[in-house]
N, C-alpha and C. Protein backbone atom coordinates (compact mmCIF):
# COMPACT_ATOMS: atom_id res chain seq x y z
N UNK A 1 -12.78 9.57 -12.97
CA UNK A 1 -11.59 10.01 -12.27
C UNK A 1 -10.46 10.20 -13.25
N UNK A 2 -9.35 9.49 -13.16
CA UNK A 2 -8.14 9.84 -13.85
C UNK A 2 -7.41 8.62 -14.35
N UNK A 3 -6.27 8.68 -14.41
CA UNK A 3 -5.20 7.74 -14.29
C UNK A 3 -4.70 7.09 -15.56
N UNK A 4 -3.42 7.20 -15.70
CA UNK A 4 -2.67 6.58 -16.76
C UNK A 4 -2.46 5.14 -16.44
N UNK A 5 -1.85 4.40 -17.32
CA UNK A 5 -1.68 3.01 -17.04
C UNK A 5 -0.36 2.44 -17.49
N UNK A 6 0.60 2.54 -16.64
CA UNK A 6 1.79 1.72 -16.76
C UNK A 6 1.68 0.82 -15.57
N UNK A 7 2.23 -0.35 -15.57
CA UNK A 7 1.97 -1.24 -14.44
C UNK A 7 3.24 -1.80 -13.87
N UNK A 8 3.42 -1.52 -12.62
CA UNK A 8 4.52 -2.16 -11.88
C UNK A 8 3.89 -3.36 -11.21
N UNK A 9 4.30 -4.56 -11.57
CA UNK A 9 3.66 -5.73 -10.99
C UNK A 9 4.61 -6.38 -10.01
N UNK A 10 4.18 -6.38 -8.78
CA UNK A 10 5.01 -6.92 -7.70
C UNK A 10 4.13 -7.80 -6.85
N UNK A 11 4.46 -9.07 -6.74
CA UNK A 11 3.65 -9.94 -5.88
C UNK A 11 4.47 -10.34 -4.68
N UNK A 12 4.02 -9.93 -3.51
CA UNK A 12 4.75 -10.16 -2.27
C UNK A 12 3.90 -11.01 -1.35
N UNK A 13 3.69 -10.73 -0.16
CA UNK A 13 3.14 -11.67 0.78
C UNK A 13 1.77 -11.36 1.36
N UNK A 14 0.74 -12.07 1.19
CA UNK A 14 -0.58 -11.98 1.83
C UNK A 14 -1.27 -13.31 1.64
N UNK A 15 -1.66 -14.03 2.50
CA UNK A 15 -1.91 -15.46 2.47
C UNK A 15 -2.77 -15.95 1.33
N UNK A 16 -2.49 -17.13 0.81
CA UNK A 16 -3.27 -17.70 -0.27
C UNK A 16 -4.36 -18.59 0.23
N UNK A 17 -5.24 -18.11 1.06
CA UNK A 17 -6.28 -18.96 1.63
C UNK A 17 -7.41 -19.20 0.65
N UNK A 18 -7.83 -18.18 -0.07
CA UNK A 18 -8.97 -18.32 -0.98
C UNK A 18 -8.97 -17.14 -1.91
N UNK A 19 -9.87 -17.17 -2.86
CA UNK A 19 -9.96 -16.07 -3.80
C UNK A 19 -10.40 -14.82 -3.08
N UNK A 20 -9.87 -13.66 -3.55
CA UNK A 20 -10.17 -12.41 -2.89
C UNK A 20 -11.27 -11.67 -3.63
N UNK A 21 -11.96 -10.79 -2.93
CA UNK A 21 -12.98 -9.97 -3.55
C UNK A 21 -12.39 -8.70 -4.10
N UNK A 22 -13.19 -7.62 -4.16
CA UNK A 22 -12.67 -6.39 -4.75
C UNK A 22 -13.23 -5.18 -4.00
N UNK A 23 -13.02 -5.12 -2.69
CA UNK A 23 -13.49 -4.00 -1.88
C UNK A 23 -12.36 -3.00 -1.68
N UNK A 24 -12.71 -1.70 -1.62
CA UNK A 24 -11.72 -0.67 -1.33
C UNK A 24 -11.25 -0.82 0.11
N UNK A 25 -9.96 -0.89 0.31
CA UNK A 25 -9.39 -1.01 1.64
C UNK A 25 -8.85 0.31 2.16
N UNK A 26 -8.62 1.27 1.26
CA UNK A 26 -8.12 2.59 1.62
C UNK A 26 -9.21 3.62 1.36
N UNK A 27 -9.51 4.43 2.33
CA UNK A 27 -10.50 5.48 2.19
C UNK A 27 -9.90 6.67 1.43
N UNK A 28 -10.69 7.24 0.52
CA UNK A 28 -10.25 8.39 -0.27
C UNK A 28 -8.88 8.15 -0.90
N UNK A 29 -8.75 7.12 -1.72
CA UNK A 29 -7.44 6.80 -2.30
C UNK A 29 -6.89 7.89 -3.22
N UNK A 30 -7.77 8.72 -3.78
CA UNK A 30 -7.33 9.78 -4.69
C UNK A 30 -7.08 11.11 -3.97
N UNK A 31 -7.17 11.10 -2.62
CA UNK A 31 -6.85 12.30 -1.83
C UNK A 31 -7.65 13.51 -2.27
N UNK A 32 -8.95 13.31 -2.44
CA UNK A 32 -9.81 14.38 -2.94
C UNK A 32 -10.42 15.23 -1.83
N UNK A 33 -10.57 14.66 -0.65
CA UNK A 33 -11.22 15.38 0.45
C UNK A 33 -10.15 15.93 1.40
N UNK A 34 -10.16 17.25 1.56
CA UNK A 34 -9.16 17.91 2.39
C UNK A 34 -9.84 18.65 3.53
N UNK A 35 -9.22 18.58 4.70
CA UNK A 35 -9.67 19.30 5.88
C UNK A 35 -8.57 20.30 6.25
N UNK A 36 -8.72 21.51 5.76
CA UNK A 36 -7.67 22.50 5.95
C UNK A 36 -6.45 22.14 5.14
N UNK A 37 -5.31 21.95 5.80
CA UNK A 37 -4.04 21.74 5.10
C UNK A 37 -3.66 20.27 4.94
N UNK A 38 -4.56 19.35 5.30
CA UNK A 38 -4.22 17.94 5.13
C UNK A 38 -5.44 17.14 4.69
N UNK A 39 -5.23 15.98 4.04
CA UNK A 39 -6.35 15.17 3.57
C UNK A 39 -7.14 14.62 4.76
N UNK A 40 -8.47 14.63 4.64
CA UNK A 40 -9.33 14.31 5.78
C UNK A 40 -9.16 12.88 6.27
N UNK A 41 -8.95 11.94 5.38
CA UNK A 41 -8.93 10.54 5.77
C UNK A 41 -7.55 10.03 6.18
N UNK A 42 -6.55 10.88 6.08
CA UNK A 42 -5.18 10.46 6.33
C UNK A 42 -4.59 11.20 7.52
N UNK A 43 -3.80 10.50 8.31
CA UNK A 43 -2.98 11.13 9.34
C UNK A 43 -1.67 11.60 8.70
N UNK A 44 -1.11 12.69 9.21
CA UNK A 44 0.06 13.30 8.59
C UNK A 44 1.14 13.53 9.63
N UNK A 45 2.36 13.20 9.28
CA UNK A 45 3.55 13.59 10.03
C UNK A 45 4.46 14.38 9.11
N UNK A 46 5.15 15.38 9.63
CA UNK A 46 6.01 16.20 8.79
C UNK A 46 5.19 17.20 8.00
N UNK A 47 5.75 17.67 6.90
CA UNK A 47 5.13 18.73 6.11
C UNK A 47 4.65 18.19 4.77
N UNK A 48 3.37 18.48 4.44
CA UNK A 48 2.79 18.11 3.15
C UNK A 48 2.03 19.31 2.61
N UNK A 49 1.69 19.27 1.32
CA UNK A 49 0.85 20.31 0.76
C UNK A 49 0.10 19.78 -0.45
N UNK A 50 -1.04 20.40 -0.74
CA UNK A 50 -1.83 20.06 -1.92
C UNK A 50 -1.24 20.78 -3.12
N UNK A 51 -1.01 20.05 -4.21
CA UNK A 51 -0.39 20.61 -5.40
C UNK A 51 -1.12 20.10 -6.64
N UNK A 52 -0.77 20.67 -7.80
CA UNK A 52 -1.33 20.22 -9.06
C UNK A 52 -0.61 18.98 -9.59
N UNK A 53 -1.17 18.41 -10.64
CA UNK A 53 -0.56 17.24 -11.27
C UNK A 53 -0.33 17.52 -12.75
N UNK A 54 -0.46 16.48 -13.56
CA UNK A 54 -0.28 16.62 -15.00
C UNK A 54 -1.44 17.37 -15.66
N UNK A 55 -2.53 17.56 -14.93
CA UNK A 55 -3.73 18.18 -15.49
C UNK A 55 -4.16 19.33 -14.59
N UNK A 56 -4.63 20.43 -15.18
CA UNK A 56 -4.93 21.64 -14.42
C UNK A 56 -6.08 21.44 -13.42
N UNK A 57 -6.97 20.46 -13.67
CA UNK A 57 -8.11 20.24 -12.78
C UNK A 57 -7.90 19.04 -11.86
N UNK A 58 -6.69 18.57 -11.76
CA UNK A 58 -6.40 17.42 -10.91
C UNK A 58 -5.40 17.84 -9.85
N UNK A 59 -5.51 17.22 -8.65
CA UNK A 59 -4.65 17.61 -7.54
C UNK A 59 -4.04 16.39 -6.87
N UNK A 60 -3.01 16.66 -6.10
CA UNK A 60 -2.29 15.57 -5.44
C UNK A 60 -1.68 16.10 -4.14
N UNK A 61 -0.98 15.22 -3.45
CA UNK A 61 -0.32 15.57 -2.19
C UNK A 61 1.19 15.45 -2.36
N UNK A 62 1.90 16.52 -2.02
CA UNK A 62 3.36 16.48 -2.07
C UNK A 62 3.92 16.27 -0.67
N UNK A 63 4.81 15.29 -0.56
CA UNK A 63 5.55 15.06 0.68
C UNK A 63 6.72 16.04 0.70
N UNK A 64 6.61 17.09 1.49
CA UNK A 64 7.59 18.18 1.44
C UNK A 64 8.83 17.91 2.29
N UNK A 65 8.64 17.68 3.57
CA UNK A 65 9.79 17.51 4.45
C UNK A 65 10.44 16.15 4.22
N UNK A 66 11.71 16.05 4.62
CA UNK A 66 12.47 14.82 4.39
C UNK A 66 11.88 13.63 5.12
N UNK A 67 11.11 13.89 6.20
CA UNK A 67 10.54 12.81 7.00
C UNK A 67 9.02 12.76 6.89
N UNK A 68 8.46 13.33 5.85
CA UNK A 68 7.00 13.38 5.71
C UNK A 68 6.42 11.97 5.60
N UNK A 69 5.25 11.79 6.21
CA UNK A 69 4.59 10.48 6.20
C UNK A 69 3.09 10.67 6.29
N UNK A 70 2.33 9.87 5.54
CA UNK A 70 0.88 9.82 5.68
C UNK A 70 0.48 8.39 5.95
N UNK A 71 -0.59 8.22 6.73
CA UNK A 71 -1.05 6.86 6.99
C UNK A 71 -2.52 6.87 7.38
N UNK A 72 -3.15 5.69 7.24
CA UNK A 72 -4.50 5.48 7.73
C UNK A 72 -4.67 4.02 8.11
N UNK A 73 -5.57 3.78 9.09
CA UNK A 73 -5.83 2.43 9.57
C UNK A 73 -7.11 1.88 8.95
N UNK A 74 -7.08 0.58 8.66
CA UNK A 74 -8.29 -0.15 8.30
C UNK A 74 -8.49 -1.19 9.38
N UNK A 75 -9.45 -0.95 10.25
CA UNK A 75 -9.68 -1.84 11.38
C UNK A 75 -10.55 -3.04 11.07
N UNK A 76 -11.14 -3.07 9.86
CA UNK A 76 -12.04 -4.17 9.51
C UNK A 76 -11.37 -5.24 8.64
N UNK A 77 -10.23 -4.93 8.06
CA UNK A 77 -9.53 -5.92 7.24
C UNK A 77 -8.98 -7.03 8.12
N UNK A 78 -9.20 -8.28 7.73
CA UNK A 78 -8.70 -9.43 8.47
C UNK A 78 -8.16 -10.46 7.50
N UNK A 79 -7.52 -11.48 8.04
CA UNK A 79 -6.99 -12.55 7.20
C UNK A 79 -8.10 -13.35 6.52
N UNK A 80 -9.31 -13.27 7.05
CA UNK A 80 -10.43 -13.94 6.40
C UNK A 80 -10.99 -13.13 5.23
N UNK A 81 -10.97 -11.80 5.37
CA UNK A 81 -11.60 -10.95 4.36
C UNK A 81 -10.63 -10.42 3.32
N UNK A 82 -9.36 -10.25 3.68
CA UNK A 82 -8.39 -9.61 2.78
C UNK A 82 -7.09 -10.39 2.84
N UNK A 83 -6.89 -11.24 1.85
CA UNK A 83 -5.74 -12.14 1.86
C UNK A 83 -4.70 -11.80 0.81
N UNK A 84 -5.14 -11.11 -0.22
CA UNK A 84 -4.24 -10.76 -1.32
C UNK A 84 -4.55 -9.32 -1.73
N UNK A 85 -3.65 -8.39 -1.42
CA UNK A 85 -3.87 -6.98 -1.70
C UNK A 85 -3.36 -6.64 -3.11
N UNK A 86 -4.16 -5.89 -3.84
CA UNK A 86 -3.69 -5.33 -5.11
C UNK A 86 -3.65 -3.82 -4.98
N UNK A 87 -2.45 -3.28 -5.00
CA UNK A 87 -2.25 -1.84 -4.84
C UNK A 87 -2.20 -1.17 -6.21
N UNK A 88 -2.70 0.05 -6.25
CA UNK A 88 -2.57 0.92 -7.41
C UNK A 88 -2.02 2.26 -6.97
N UNK A 89 -1.08 2.80 -7.70
CA UNK A 89 -0.46 4.07 -7.30
C UNK A 89 -0.21 4.93 -8.52
N UNK A 90 -0.51 6.22 -8.38
CA UNK A 90 -0.16 7.22 -9.39
C UNK A 90 0.62 8.31 -8.68
N UNK A 91 1.85 8.56 -9.13
CA UNK A 91 2.71 9.49 -8.41
C UNK A 91 3.80 10.04 -9.33
N UNK A 92 4.43 11.09 -8.85
CA UNK A 92 5.67 11.58 -9.46
C UNK A 92 6.75 11.46 -8.40
N UNK A 93 7.67 10.53 -8.63
CA UNK A 93 8.77 10.29 -7.70
C UNK A 93 10.07 10.40 -8.47
N UNK A 94 10.90 11.37 -8.09
CA UNK A 94 12.18 11.53 -8.78
C UNK A 94 13.10 10.35 -8.49
N UNK A 95 14.07 10.15 -9.37
CA UNK A 95 14.91 8.95 -9.31
C UNK A 95 15.65 8.81 -7.99
N UNK A 96 16.14 9.89 -7.44
CA UNK A 96 16.94 9.80 -6.22
C UNK A 96 16.11 9.97 -4.94
N UNK A 97 14.79 10.09 -5.08
CA UNK A 97 13.93 10.27 -3.91
C UNK A 97 13.55 8.91 -3.33
N UNK A 98 13.68 8.80 -2.02
CA UNK A 98 13.38 7.55 -1.33
C UNK A 98 11.99 7.64 -0.69
N UNK A 99 11.05 6.85 -1.23
CA UNK A 99 9.68 6.79 -0.71
C UNK A 99 9.33 5.33 -0.49
N UNK A 100 8.71 5.04 0.65
CA UNK A 100 8.43 3.66 1.01
C UNK A 100 6.94 3.46 1.26
N UNK A 101 6.41 2.36 0.73
CA UNK A 101 5.10 1.87 1.13
C UNK A 101 5.32 0.92 2.29
N UNK A 102 4.58 1.13 3.39
CA UNK A 102 4.76 0.29 4.57
C UNK A 102 3.41 -0.20 5.08
N UNK A 103 3.41 -1.44 5.58
CA UNK A 103 2.21 -2.06 6.14
C UNK A 103 2.50 -2.49 7.57
N UNK A 104 1.62 -2.09 8.46
CA UNK A 104 1.71 -2.46 9.87
C UNK A 104 0.46 -3.27 10.22
N UNK A 105 0.59 -4.59 10.18
CA UNK A 105 -0.54 -5.45 10.52
C UNK A 105 -0.75 -5.43 12.03
N UNK A 106 -2.01 -5.34 12.43
CA UNK A 106 -2.47 -5.13 13.80
C UNK A 106 -2.40 -3.65 14.19
N UNK A 107 -1.78 -2.80 13.34
CA UNK A 107 -1.68 -1.36 13.62
C UNK A 107 -1.14 -1.10 15.02
N UNK A 108 -0.06 -1.81 15.37
CA UNK A 108 0.50 -1.72 16.72
C UNK A 108 1.84 -1.00 16.75
N UNK A 109 2.21 -0.37 15.64
CA UNK A 109 3.47 0.36 15.59
C UNK A 109 4.65 -0.43 15.09
N UNK A 110 4.45 -1.71 14.78
CA UNK A 110 5.52 -2.56 14.26
C UNK A 110 5.29 -2.82 12.77
N UNK A 111 6.18 -2.30 11.93
CA UNK A 111 6.02 -2.43 10.48
C UNK A 111 6.51 -3.79 10.02
N UNK A 112 5.62 -4.57 9.42
CA UNK A 112 5.99 -5.91 8.93
C UNK A 112 6.44 -5.89 7.47
N UNK A 113 6.07 -4.86 6.73
CA UNK A 113 6.44 -4.80 5.32
C UNK A 113 6.84 -3.38 4.95
N UNK A 114 7.99 -3.23 4.30
CA UNK A 114 8.46 -1.93 3.84
C UNK A 114 9.13 -2.11 2.49
N UNK A 115 8.66 -1.39 1.48
CA UNK A 115 9.18 -1.52 0.13
C UNK A 115 9.40 -0.14 -0.48
N UNK A 116 10.64 0.11 -0.92
CA UNK A 116 10.90 1.37 -1.62
C UNK A 116 10.17 1.37 -2.96
N UNK A 117 9.54 2.49 -3.28
CA UNK A 117 8.80 2.62 -4.53
C UNK A 117 9.71 3.10 -5.64
N UNK A 118 9.44 2.68 -6.87
CA UNK A 118 10.32 3.04 -7.99
C UNK A 118 10.06 4.47 -8.46
N UNK A 119 11.00 5.06 -9.22
CA UNK A 119 10.75 6.36 -9.83
C UNK A 119 9.53 6.29 -10.74
N UNK A 120 8.80 7.39 -10.83
CA UNK A 120 7.58 7.40 -11.63
C UNK A 120 7.27 8.81 -12.09
N UNK A 121 6.65 8.92 -13.26
CA UNK A 121 6.20 10.21 -13.77
C UNK A 121 4.74 10.09 -14.20
N UNK A 122 3.88 9.91 -13.20
CA UNK A 122 2.44 9.84 -13.36
C UNK A 122 1.97 8.57 -14.07
N UNK A 123 2.85 7.56 -14.21
CA UNK A 123 2.35 6.28 -14.68
C UNK A 123 1.51 5.64 -13.58
N UNK A 124 0.62 4.76 -13.97
CA UNK A 124 -0.11 3.97 -12.97
C UNK A 124 0.67 2.70 -12.71
N UNK A 125 1.06 2.50 -11.45
CA UNK A 125 1.81 1.33 -11.04
C UNK A 125 0.88 0.41 -10.26
N UNK A 126 0.94 -0.89 -10.50
CA UNK A 126 0.15 -1.84 -9.73
C UNK A 126 1.04 -2.96 -9.24
N UNK A 127 0.71 -3.49 -8.08
CA UNK A 127 1.50 -4.58 -7.51
C UNK A 127 0.65 -5.29 -6.46
N UNK A 128 1.02 -6.53 -6.17
CA UNK A 128 0.28 -7.34 -5.20
C UNK A 128 1.17 -7.71 -4.02
N UNK A 129 0.53 -7.84 -2.86
CA UNK A 129 1.22 -8.23 -1.64
C UNK A 129 0.41 -9.32 -0.95
N UNK A 130 1.08 -10.35 -0.46
CA UNK A 130 0.41 -11.44 0.25
C UNK A 130 0.41 -11.17 1.74
N UNK A 131 -0.75 -11.13 2.36
CA UNK A 131 -0.85 -10.78 3.79
C UNK A 131 -0.46 -11.94 4.69
N UNK A 132 -0.26 -11.67 5.97
CA UNK A 132 -0.02 -12.78 6.91
C UNK A 132 -1.21 -13.75 6.92
N UNK A 133 -0.96 -14.96 7.34
CA UNK A 133 -2.04 -15.96 7.39
C UNK A 133 -3.03 -15.65 8.50
N UNK A 134 -2.64 -14.79 9.44
CA UNK A 134 -3.58 -14.30 10.46
C UNK A 134 -3.23 -12.86 10.79
N UNK A 135 -4.27 -12.00 10.82
CA UNK A 135 -4.11 -10.63 11.31
C UNK A 135 -5.49 -10.03 11.53
N UNK A 136 -5.53 -8.95 12.28
CA UNK A 136 -6.74 -8.19 12.54
C UNK A 136 -6.41 -6.71 12.41
N UNK A 137 -6.75 -6.12 11.27
CA UNK A 137 -6.50 -4.72 11.03
C UNK A 137 -5.13 -4.47 10.42
N UNK A 138 -5.01 -3.38 9.67
CA UNK A 138 -3.75 -3.05 9.01
C UNK A 138 -3.64 -1.53 8.87
N UNK A 139 -2.42 -1.02 9.02
CA UNK A 139 -2.14 0.41 8.81
C UNK A 139 -1.37 0.56 7.49
N UNK A 140 -1.89 1.38 6.60
CA UNK A 140 -1.23 1.68 5.33
C UNK A 140 -0.47 2.99 5.48
N UNK A 141 0.81 2.99 5.12
CA UNK A 141 1.64 4.20 5.25
C UNK A 141 2.44 4.46 3.99
N UNK A 142 2.65 5.73 3.72
CA UNK A 142 3.59 6.16 2.68
C UNK A 142 4.56 7.11 3.35
N UNK A 143 5.86 6.78 3.28
CA UNK A 143 6.87 7.51 4.04
C UNK A 143 8.02 7.96 3.15
N UNK A 144 8.39 9.22 3.29
CA UNK A 144 9.54 9.76 2.58
C UNK A 144 10.75 9.73 3.50
N UNK A 145 11.91 9.38 2.94
CA UNK A 145 13.14 9.30 3.73
C UNK A 145 14.24 10.07 3.00
N UNK A 146 14.38 11.36 3.35
CA UNK A 146 15.41 12.18 2.72
C UNK A 146 14.83 13.18 1.74
N UNK A 147 15.72 13.94 1.07
CA UNK A 147 15.27 14.99 0.16
C UNK A 147 14.76 14.44 -1.16
N UNK A 148 14.17 15.33 -1.96
CA UNK A 148 13.71 14.96 -3.29
C UNK A 148 12.22 15.19 -3.46
N UNK A 149 11.77 15.13 -4.71
CA UNK A 149 10.37 15.38 -5.02
C UNK A 149 9.57 14.09 -4.99
N UNK A 150 8.47 14.12 -4.24
CA UNK A 150 7.55 12.98 -4.18
C UNK A 150 6.13 13.53 -4.09
N UNK A 151 5.33 13.28 -5.11
CA UNK A 151 3.96 13.77 -5.18
C UNK A 151 3.04 12.58 -5.43
N UNK A 152 2.06 12.40 -4.57
CA UNK A 152 1.13 11.28 -4.66
C UNK A 152 -0.23 11.76 -5.14
N UNK A 153 -0.73 11.16 -6.23
CA UNK A 153 -2.06 11.47 -6.72
C UNK A 153 -3.07 10.39 -6.36
N UNK A 154 -2.61 9.16 -6.16
CA UNK A 154 -3.53 8.08 -5.80
C UNK A 154 -2.76 6.93 -5.15
N UNK A 155 -3.35 6.37 -4.11
CA UNK A 155 -2.86 5.12 -3.53
C UNK A 155 -4.09 4.31 -3.14
N UNK A 156 -4.35 3.25 -3.88
CA UNK A 156 -5.52 2.41 -3.63
C UNK A 156 -5.08 1.00 -3.26
N UNK A 157 -5.96 0.28 -2.58
CA UNK A 157 -5.70 -1.11 -2.24
C UNK A 157 -7.02 -1.87 -2.32
N UNK A 158 -7.04 -2.92 -3.11
CA UNK A 158 -8.23 -3.75 -3.29
C UNK A 158 -7.93 -5.18 -2.89
N UNK A 159 -8.99 -5.93 -2.61
CA UNK A 159 -8.85 -7.37 -2.49
C UNK A 159 -8.66 -7.93 -3.89
N UNK A 160 -7.51 -8.49 -4.16
CA UNK A 160 -7.19 -8.92 -5.52
C UNK A 160 -7.98 -10.16 -5.89
N UNK A 161 -8.41 -10.26 -7.15
CA UNK A 161 -9.03 -11.50 -7.61
C UNK A 161 -7.97 -12.61 -7.68
N UNK A 162 -8.35 -13.82 -7.34
CA UNK A 162 -7.38 -14.91 -7.33
C UNK A 162 -6.53 -14.83 -6.08
N UNK A 163 -5.32 -15.37 -6.16
CA UNK A 163 -4.42 -15.39 -5.00
C UNK A 163 -3.06 -14.84 -5.39
N UNK A 164 -2.34 -14.34 -4.40
CA UNK A 164 -0.95 -13.94 -4.61
C UNK A 164 -0.08 -15.19 -4.68
N UNK A 165 1.05 -15.10 -5.36
CA UNK A 165 1.91 -16.27 -5.55
C UNK A 165 3.04 -16.35 -4.54
N UNK A 166 3.34 -15.26 -3.85
CA UNK A 166 4.47 -15.24 -2.92
C UNK A 166 4.06 -15.76 -1.54
N UNK A 167 5.02 -16.13 -0.71
CA UNK A 167 4.71 -16.55 0.66
C UNK A 167 4.10 -15.39 1.44
N UNK A 168 3.34 -15.68 2.50
CA UNK A 168 2.74 -14.62 3.30
C UNK A 168 3.77 -13.86 4.12
N UNK A 169 3.47 -12.61 4.40
CA UNK A 169 4.31 -11.80 5.28
C UNK A 169 4.35 -12.44 6.66
N UNK A 170 5.51 -12.38 7.29
CA UNK A 170 5.66 -12.93 8.64
C UNK A 170 5.15 -11.93 9.67
N UNK A 171 4.30 -12.41 10.56
CA UNK A 171 3.74 -11.55 11.61
C UNK A 171 4.16 -12.09 12.97
N UNK A 172 4.91 -11.30 13.73
CA UNK A 172 5.38 -11.70 15.05
C UNK A 172 4.31 -11.44 16.11
N UNK A 173 4.51 -12.04 17.26
CA UNK A 173 3.69 -11.77 18.45
C UNK A 173 2.20 -12.00 18.22
N UNK A 174 1.88 -13.09 17.54
CA UNK A 174 0.48 -13.44 17.38
C UNK A 174 -0.08 -13.98 18.70
N UNK A 175 -1.37 -13.76 18.96
CA UNK A 175 -1.97 -14.38 20.13
C UNK A 175 -2.07 -15.89 19.95
N UNK A 176 -2.21 -16.60 21.04
CA UNK A 176 -2.20 -18.07 21.00
C UNK A 176 -3.31 -18.63 20.12
N UNK A 177 -4.41 -17.88 19.97
CA UNK A 177 -5.53 -18.39 19.19
C UNK A 177 -5.29 -18.28 17.68
N UNK A 178 -4.26 -17.52 17.28
CA UNK A 178 -4.04 -17.27 15.86
C UNK A 178 -3.48 -18.49 15.17
N UNK A 179 -3.89 -18.70 13.91
CA UNK A 179 -3.36 -19.80 13.13
C UNK A 179 -2.11 -19.37 12.39
N UNK A 180 -1.20 -20.33 12.16
CA UNK A 180 0.02 -20.05 11.41
C UNK A 180 -0.16 -20.25 9.92
N UNK A 181 -1.09 -21.09 9.53
CA UNK A 181 -1.26 -21.40 8.11
C UNK A 181 -2.67 -21.88 7.87
N UNK A 182 -2.95 -22.19 6.63
CA UNK A 182 -4.30 -22.60 6.26
C UNK A 182 -4.64 -23.98 6.79
N UNK A 183 -3.66 -24.74 7.27
CA UNK A 183 -3.98 -26.06 7.79
C UNK A 183 -4.44 -26.03 9.24
N UNK A 184 -4.51 -24.80 9.82
CA UNK A 184 -5.05 -24.66 11.15
C UNK A 184 -4.03 -24.77 12.26
N UNK A 185 -2.74 -24.93 11.93
CA UNK A 185 -1.72 -25.00 12.97
C UNK A 185 -1.73 -23.72 13.80
N UNK A 186 -1.50 -23.84 15.11
CA UNK A 186 -1.56 -22.69 16.00
C UNK A 186 -0.21 -22.03 16.18
N UNK A 187 -0.26 -20.72 16.44
CA UNK A 187 0.97 -19.98 16.67
C UNK A 187 1.63 -20.42 17.97
N UNK A 188 2.95 -20.40 17.97
CA UNK A 188 3.72 -20.69 19.17
C UNK A 188 4.41 -19.42 19.62
N UNK A 189 5.39 -19.53 20.50
CA UNK A 189 6.11 -18.34 20.95
C UNK A 189 6.91 -17.71 19.82
N UNK A 190 7.34 -18.52 18.88
CA UNK A 190 8.09 -17.98 17.74
C UNK A 190 7.12 -17.60 16.63
N UNK A 191 7.52 -16.67 15.73
CA UNK A 191 6.62 -16.23 14.68
C UNK A 191 6.38 -17.33 13.65
N UNK A 192 5.23 -17.26 13.00
CA UNK A 192 4.96 -18.18 11.90
C UNK A 192 5.87 -17.83 10.74
N UNK A 193 6.42 -18.82 10.10
CA UNK A 193 7.39 -18.56 9.04
C UNK A 193 6.69 -18.08 7.77
N UNK A 194 7.44 -17.31 7.00
CA UNK A 194 6.90 -16.79 5.75
C UNK A 194 7.75 -15.66 5.24
N UNK A 195 7.16 -14.69 4.66
CA UNK A 195 7.75 -13.49 4.10
C UNK A 195 8.64 -13.74 2.90
N UNK A 196 8.34 -13.02 1.89
CA UNK A 196 9.12 -13.08 0.67
C UNK A 196 8.35 -12.41 -0.42
N UNK A 197 8.98 -12.19 -1.54
CA UNK A 197 8.24 -11.68 -2.69
C UNK A 197 8.74 -12.33 -3.96
N UNK A 198 7.89 -12.33 -4.95
CA UNK A 198 8.23 -12.94 -6.22
C UNK A 198 8.64 -11.88 -7.21
N UNK A 199 8.71 -12.25 -8.47
CA UNK A 199 9.33 -11.39 -9.48
C UNK A 199 8.59 -10.07 -9.65
N UNK A 200 9.35 -9.04 -9.97
CA UNK A 200 8.82 -7.72 -10.29
C UNK A 200 8.95 -7.53 -11.80
N UNK A 201 7.88 -7.11 -12.45
CA UNK A 201 7.95 -6.82 -13.88
C UNK A 201 7.52 -5.38 -14.11
N UNK A 202 8.02 -4.80 -15.17
CA UNK A 202 7.76 -3.39 -15.48
C UNK A 202 7.12 -3.29 -16.86
N UNK A 203 5.78 -3.34 -16.94
CA UNK A 203 5.11 -3.22 -18.23
C UNK A 203 5.29 -1.83 -18.82
N UNK A 204 4.94 -1.71 -20.08
CA UNK A 204 5.10 -0.44 -20.78
C UNK A 204 4.03 0.55 -20.35
N UNK A 205 4.33 1.84 -20.56
CA UNK A 205 3.39 2.90 -20.19
C UNK A 205 2.25 2.96 -21.18
N UNK A 206 1.11 3.44 -20.67
CA UNK A 206 -0.03 3.70 -21.52
C UNK A 206 -0.49 5.13 -21.29
N UNK A 207 -1.23 5.66 -22.23
CA UNK A 207 -1.71 7.04 -22.10
C UNK A 207 -2.65 7.15 -20.92
N UNK A 208 -2.61 8.29 -20.24
CA UNK A 208 -3.47 8.49 -19.09
C UNK A 208 -4.57 9.47 -19.43
N UNK A 209 -5.63 9.44 -18.65
CA UNK A 209 -6.74 10.37 -18.83
C UNK A 209 -6.92 11.17 -17.57
N UNK A 210 -7.20 12.49 -17.66
CA UNK A 210 -7.41 13.30 -16.47
C UNK A 210 -8.76 13.01 -15.83
N UNK A 211 -8.93 13.51 -14.61
CA UNK A 211 -10.19 13.37 -13.91
C UNK A 211 -11.28 14.12 -14.65
N UNK A 212 -12.44 13.50 -14.69
CA UNK A 212 -13.59 14.15 -15.36
C UNK A 212 -14.37 14.99 -14.37
């Protein structure tokens, strides 16, 4: 495939229950399969288009309209199987362009996590997020808010090795059977406490290689 390597390291919230594996959580993370004017595995709102990248044989998705958004659901991810997400992203985002990575646990229309992404020029950015201590399914979204250039070449999510260091994301409206933490405490009418993120570091850029 491709990808340069600069690393944005961000550890946010996804429960520290146990070591994570390394399964792909996002289908077609490199946006290679297209069905007409949109990527096959992604839902689209607003206007998008397929464009070139830093290499003549590589392609990406441009968020054209000010409210453009792409998303997909993973209905099999749970707090038992996916506790610490490691994201990888390759994109061109201009400095004044507002683009957000958002996570909707339970895929019920309520966004529990929203983080503006930093400016990028095809560097590979990586970061970790700590999931809620209980959830069933998650919606991954990338949303543009306002004008500016935003082109996505890859958005991947893996089960990170080891554990995230930040507190878990807070998830409201859990069913009574859901646990609040690893000690087995049960959810009450109020949400389980959590949410936060730890330090962000910006490693140096490395040379990238085009798709083979």
